[in-house]
């Protein structure tokens, strides 16, 4: 499988990283397509973010053995993508934003395989007075998520190996984006 990343910088609590997995072999065409889809996600996700936030798709794409998690190769895309800067108004709440829940039709070790991507921080313009997301912010994040699902190669969620059970990658078939603000928490808080 392939692994791409988007780094998030320029806000309190930064840096952040979003990691995406692709059910594809390591070929230059797959690497270029996976990184292009990752950059498209970042490009759409930046619109409800404040201008201090920078999103950057990492040019290095990892080829990983899905069963073991072992790194097999590191590829570089033939396309170069620059940093993408947030577009919305400047004020923001540091750890608050949106959460995309990725859904698959796969079960691994007795559990439905799901994943999450946080789009944090969002500008104050991304929220209604009742703290729900505006239609515009929700539409931008929905567009970003839909582009990943429809991309080629197949966007998936990786379930790590556990004990004697190998890891698997499961195709994402749907996404849910809550209309409520999500708070990103970590051990640094």
Protein backbone atom coordinates (compact mmCIF):
# COMPACT_ATOMS: atom_id res chain seq x y z
CA UNK A 1 0.00 0.00 0.00
CA UNK A 2 1.02 3.64 -0.30
CA UNK A 3 1.03 6.24 2.49
CA UNK A 4 0.81 10.00 1.97
CA UNK A 5 0.83 12.81 4.51
CA UNK A 6 -0.29 16.42 4.85
CA UNK A 7 1.47 18.56 7.45
CA UNK A 8 -0.46 21.34 9.21
CA UNK A 9 1.52 24.27 10.67
CA UNK A 10 1.01 27.85 11.85
CA UNK A 11 -1.36 27.50 14.80
CA UNK A 12 -1.30 26.86 18.53
CA UNK A 13 -0.67 23.14 19.08
CA UNK A 14 1.02 22.70 15.69
CA UNK A 15 2.42 20.80 13.96
CA UNK A 16 -0.31 18.42 12.94
CA UNK A 17 -0.32 15.65 10.36
CA UNK A 18 -3.02 13.88 8.37
CA UNK A 19 -2.05 10.45 7.06
CA UNK A 20 -3.77 8.76 4.12
CA UNK A 21 -3.43 5.17 2.88
CA UNK A 22 -3.93 3.89 -0.65
CA UNK A 23 -4.56 0.31 -1.76
CA UNK A 24 -1.99 0.35 -4.54
CA UNK A 25 1.38 -1.04 -5.48
CA UNK A 26 4.46 1.14 -5.69
CA UNK A 27 4.55 2.40 -9.26
CA UNK A 28 5.30 5.96 -10.34
CA UNK A 29 1.79 6.36 -11.76
CA UNK A 30 0.18 5.25 -8.46
CA UNK A 31 2.51 7.46 -6.42
CA UNK A 32 1.73 10.51 -8.57
CA UNK A 33 -2.03 9.84 -8.43
CA UNK A 34 -2.07 9.30 -4.65
CA UNK A 35 -0.10 12.48 -4.01
CA UNK A 36 -2.28 14.48 -6.42
CA UNK A 37 -5.42 13.32 -4.56
CA UNK A 38 -3.78 14.16 -1.22
CA UNK A 39 -2.89 17.65 -2.45
CA UNK A 40 -6.46 18.13 -3.76
CA UNK A 41 -7.76 17.25 -0.28
CA UNK A 42 -5.44 19.85 1.29
CA UNK A 43 -6.41 22.45 -1.29
CA UNK A 44 -10.12 22.08 -0.47
CA UNK A 45 -9.60 21.72 3.28
CA UNK A 46 -7.69 25.02 3.54
CA UNK A 47 -10.65 27.26 2.65
CA UNK A 48 -12.31 27.31 6.09
CA UNK A 49 -8.88 27.59 7.80
CA UNK A 50 -7.33 30.91 8.93
CA UNK A 51 -4.44 32.41 6.90
CA UNK A 52 -1.87 31.52 9.57
CA UNK A 53 -2.44 27.81 8.80
CA UNK A 54 -0.32 26.17 6.11
CA UNK A 55 -1.07 22.72 4.67
CA UNK A 56 1.61 20.93 2.71
CA UNK A 57 1.43 17.53 1.02
CA UNK A 58 4.72 15.72 1.71
CA UNK A 59 6.51 14.94 -1.56
CA UNK A 60 7.78 11.62 -0.19
CA UNK A 61 5.29 8.77 -0.57
CA UNK A 62 5.90 5.63 1.48
CA UNK A 63 5.33 2.13 0.11
CA UNK A 64 4.36 -0.05 3.06
CA UNK A 65 3.60 -3.75 3.48
CA UNK A 66 -0.02 -3.67 4.68
CA UNK A 67 0.30 -7.03 6.45
CA UNK A 68 3.35 -6.12 8.57
CA UNK A 69 3.59 -2.33 8.48
CA UNK A 70 7.19 -2.57 7.23
CA UNK A 71 8.46 0.26 5.06
CA UNK A 72 9.37 -1.16 1.64
CA UNK A 73 10.34 1.93 -0.33
CA UNK A 74 10.11 5.72 -0.39
CA UNK A 75 8.99 7.29 -3.66
CA UNK A 76 9.04 10.89 -4.84
CA UNK A 77 6.29 12.27 -7.01
CA UNK A 78 7.14 13.69 -10.41
CA UNK A 79 4.84 16.64 -9.58
CA UNK A 80 5.81 19.27 -7.02
CA UNK A 81 3.17 20.75 -4.75
CA UNK A 82 3.79 23.89 -2.75
CA UNK A 83 2.39 24.90 0.62
CA UNK A 84 -1.29 25.87 0.71
CA UNK A 85 -2.35 28.72 2.99
CA UNK A 86 -5.69 29.05 4.79
CA UNK A 87 -8.15 31.44 3.20
CA UNK A 88 -10.83 32.29 5.82
CA UNK A 89 -10.82 35.11 8.39
CA UNK A 90 -7.94 35.25 10.84
CA UNK A 91 -9.51 34.55 14.29
CA UNK A 92 -9.77 30.89 15.26
CA UNK A 93 -10.04 28.57 18.24
CA UNK A 94 -6.82 26.52 18.35
CA UNK A 95 -8.04 22.95 18.82
CA UNK A 96 -11.53 23.34 17.27
CA UNK A 97 -12.55 22.28 13.79
CA UNK A 98 -14.31 19.50 11.92
CA UNK A 99 -14.03 15.71 11.92
CA UNK A 100 -14.42 13.44 8.92
CA UNK A 101 -15.30 9.83 9.78
CA UNK A 102 -14.29 7.43 7.02
CA UNK A 103 -16.48 4.32 6.64
CA UNK A 104 -15.63 0.99 5.05
CA UNK A 105 -17.62 -2.19 4.46
CA UNK A 106 -14.87 -4.32 6.05
CA UNK A 107 -14.64 -6.07 9.39
CA UNK A 108 -11.21 -6.74 10.89
CA UNK A 109 -10.71 -8.59 14.18
CA UNK A 110 -14.42 -8.42 14.92
CA UNK A 111 -14.75 -4.66 14.39
CA UNK A 112 -15.99 -2.50 11.57
CA UNK A 113 -13.02 -0.68 10.04
CA UNK A 114 -13.31 3.12 10.30
CA UNK A 115 -10.94 6.05 10.31
CA UNK A 116 -10.95 9.77 11.08
CA UNK A 117 -9.36 12.91 9.74
CA UNK A 118 -9.54 16.17 11.67
CA UNK A 119 -9.64 19.52 9.87
CA UNK A 120 -8.30 21.78 12.63
CA UNK A 121 -8.26 24.72 13.23
CA UNK A 122 -11.19 26.37 11.48
CA UNK A 123 -11.73 30.12 11.31
CA UNK A 124 -14.54 31.70 13.32
CA UNK A 125 -16.25 32.29 9.95
CA UNK A 126 -16.70 28.51 9.63
CA UNK A 127 -19.19 28.45 12.54
CA UNK A 128 -22.79 29.53 12.94
CA UNK A 129 -23.86 31.35 16.13
CA UNK A 130 -24.90 27.98 17.65
CA UNK A 131 -21.37 26.54 17.03
CA UNK A 132 -22.45 24.28 14.16
CA UNK A 133 -20.51 24.49 10.89
CA UNK A 134 -21.69 26.90 8.22
CA UNK A 135 -23.03 25.46 4.98
CA UNK A 136 -20.01 26.88 3.14
CA UNK A 137 -17.46 25.27 5.49
CA UNK A 138 -19.32 21.97 5.45
CA UNK A 139 -19.47 22.05 1.64
CA UNK A 140 -15.69 22.62 1.34
CA UNK A 141 -14.86 19.79 3.74
CA UNK A 142 -17.40 17.53 2.00
CA UNK A 143 -15.76 18.30 -1.36
CA UNK A 144 -12.33 17.48 0.09
CA UNK A 145 -13.59 14.16 1.49
CA UNK A 146 -15.52 13.17 -1.65
CA UNK A 147 -12.44 13.75 -3.81
CA UNK A 148 -10.45 11.23 -1.76
CA UNK A 149 -13.17 8.59 -1.98
CA UNK A 150 -13.50 8.93 -5.75
CA UNK A 151 -9.73 9.10 -6.37
CA UNK A 152 -7.65 6.44 -8.02
CA UNK A 153 -5.83 4.55 -6.60
CA UNK A 154 -8.30 3.33 -3.98
CA UNK A 155 -8.31 5.38 -0.77
CA UNK A 156 -8.45 3.14 2.30
CA UNK A 157 -8.14 2.76 6.04
CA UNK A 158 -5.25 0.68 7.29
CA UNK A 159 -5.78 -1.61 10.27
CA UNK A 160 -2.42 -2.32 11.90
CA UNK A 161 -1.30 -5.88 12.58
CA UNK A 162 -2.26 -7.14 16.05
CA UNK A 163 -0.49 -10.17 17.48
CA UNK A 164 -0.60 -12.99 14.93
CA UNK A 165 -3.24 -11.20 12.83
CA UNK A 166 -1.82 -9.32 9.83
CA UNK A 167 -2.75 -5.76 8.98
CA UNK A 168 -5.25 -5.04 6.21
CA UNK A 169 -6.25 -2.08 4.10
CA UNK A 170 -9.99 -1.54 3.56
CA UNK A 171 -11.49 0.65 0.86
CA UNK A 172 -13.36 3.72 2.07
CA UNK A 173 -16.91 3.63 0.70
CA UNK A 174 -18.51 6.58 2.54
CA UNK A 175 -17.82 9.48 4.84
CA UNK A 176 -19.68 11.31 7.56
CA UNK A 177 -18.95 14.88 8.57
CA UNK A 178 -20.61 16.07 11.74
CA UNK A 179 -22.19 19.52 11.61
CA UNK A 180 -20.88 20.13 15.12
CA UNK A 181 -17.47 21.43 16.06
CA UNK A 182 -14.87 18.78 16.89
CA UNK A 183 -12.11 19.37 19.41
CA UNK A 184 -8.74 17.82 18.72
CA UNK A 185 -7.08 16.68 21.95
CA UNK A 186 -3.69 15.19 22.56
CA UNK A 187 -1.37 14.34 25.40
CA UNK A 188 0.22 17.77 24.89
CA UNK A 189 -2.96 19.52 26.12
